[in-house]
Every structure is written in structure tokens, then in C-alpha cells.
């Protein structure tokens, strides 16, 4: 395997940016999430996957 940790450390040290606002992050994700819901079976599949993740997390 290639050693990539050194390159990662160099990249993260130089450019420190402020964290994104949660609404900006949501605005970036929602179009893709909507497309995936339409392509892969609608809300039923999303609800099934979300409940499976909830069971795995112990909720």
C-alpha cells in the first residue's frame, strides 16, 4: 500500500477554513439526496434504510 499520511498532513496544515454553517451544508446535500430518492425507489426505501441505521445505533 502507498504511504499517504504524510501528504494528508501537509494538505491540512496549510489551509485552515472556518466550518460551514449547517444550513449551507444542508443546501449542498439536499439536491443530491432528492435525486437519489427519486432514482432508487422513493420514500419507502429511505424510511427503511433510516430505520435500519437507527436499529444499528441502538435507538
Protein backbone atom coordinates (compact mmCIF):
# COMPACT_ATOMS: atom_id res chain seq x y z
CA UNK A 1 0.00 0.00 0.00
CA UNK A 2 1.09 3.53 -0.61
CA UNK A 3 2.01 5.79 2.28
CA UNK A 4 -0.44 8.70 2.12
CA UNK A 5 -0.47 10.02 5.70
CA UNK A 6 2.38 12.46 5.08
CA UNK A 7 0.66 14.07 2.13
CA UNK A 8 -2.59 14.38 4.05
CA UNK A 9 -0.88 16.16 6.94
CA UNK A 10 0.75 18.66 4.59
CA UNK A 11 -2.58 19.50 2.98
CA UNK A 12 -4.46 20.02 6.23
CA UNK A 13 -1.87 22.22 7.94
CA UNK A 14 -1.79 24.99 5.35
CA UNK A 15 -5.40 25.83 4.62
CA UNK A 16 -7.49 26.17 7.74
CA UNK A 17 -11.00 27.25 6.86
CA UNK A 18 -13.96 28.10 9.04
CA UNK A 19 -16.55 25.34 9.45
CA UNK A 20 -19.59 25.52 7.21
CA UNK A 21 -22.91 26.65 8.59
CA UNK A 22 -25.31 23.69 8.90
CA UNK A 23 -27.83 25.32 6.55
CA UNK A 24 -25.15 25.70 3.87
CA UNK A 25 -24.23 22.04 4.26
CA UNK A 26 -27.91 21.05 4.01
CA UNK A 27 -28.38 23.20 0.89
CA UNK A 28 -25.44 21.38 -0.69
CA UNK A 29 -26.71 17.89 0.18
CA UNK A 30 -30.45 18.20 -0.43
CA UNK A 31 -30.37 18.27 -4.27
CA UNK A 32 -28.31 15.07 -4.39
CA UNK A 33 -30.46 13.45 -1.70
CA UNK A 34 -33.60 14.30 -3.68
CA UNK A 35 -32.12 12.80 -6.84
CA UNK A 36 -31.18 9.61 -5.02
CA UNK A 37 -34.66 9.29 -3.51
CA UNK A 38 -36.24 9.59 -6.96
CA UNK A 39 -33.80 7.21 -8.66
CA UNK A 40 -33.65 4.50 -6.00
CA UNK A 41 -37.23 3.92 -5.05
CA UNK A 42 -38.80 6.81 -3.23
CA UNK A 43 -39.50 7.48 0.41
CA UNK A 44 -40.17 3.86 1.37
CA UNK A 45 -36.54 2.92 0.72
CA UNK A 46 -35.31 5.97 2.63
CA UNK A 47 -37.50 5.15 5.63
CA UNK A 48 -36.37 1.51 5.57
CA UNK A 49 -32.70 2.46 5.47
CA UNK A 50 -33.11 5.11 8.17
CA UNK A 51 -34.84 2.66 10.48
CA UNK A 52 -32.11 0.08 9.86
CA UNK A 53 -29.45 2.63 10.79
CA UNK A 54 -31.44 3.56 13.89
CA UNK A 55 -31.57 -0.10 14.96
CA UNK A 56 -27.81 -0.43 14.43
CA UNK A 57 -27.20 2.64 16.57
CA UNK A 58 -29.45 1.24 19.28
CA UNK A 59 -32.37 3.64 19.05
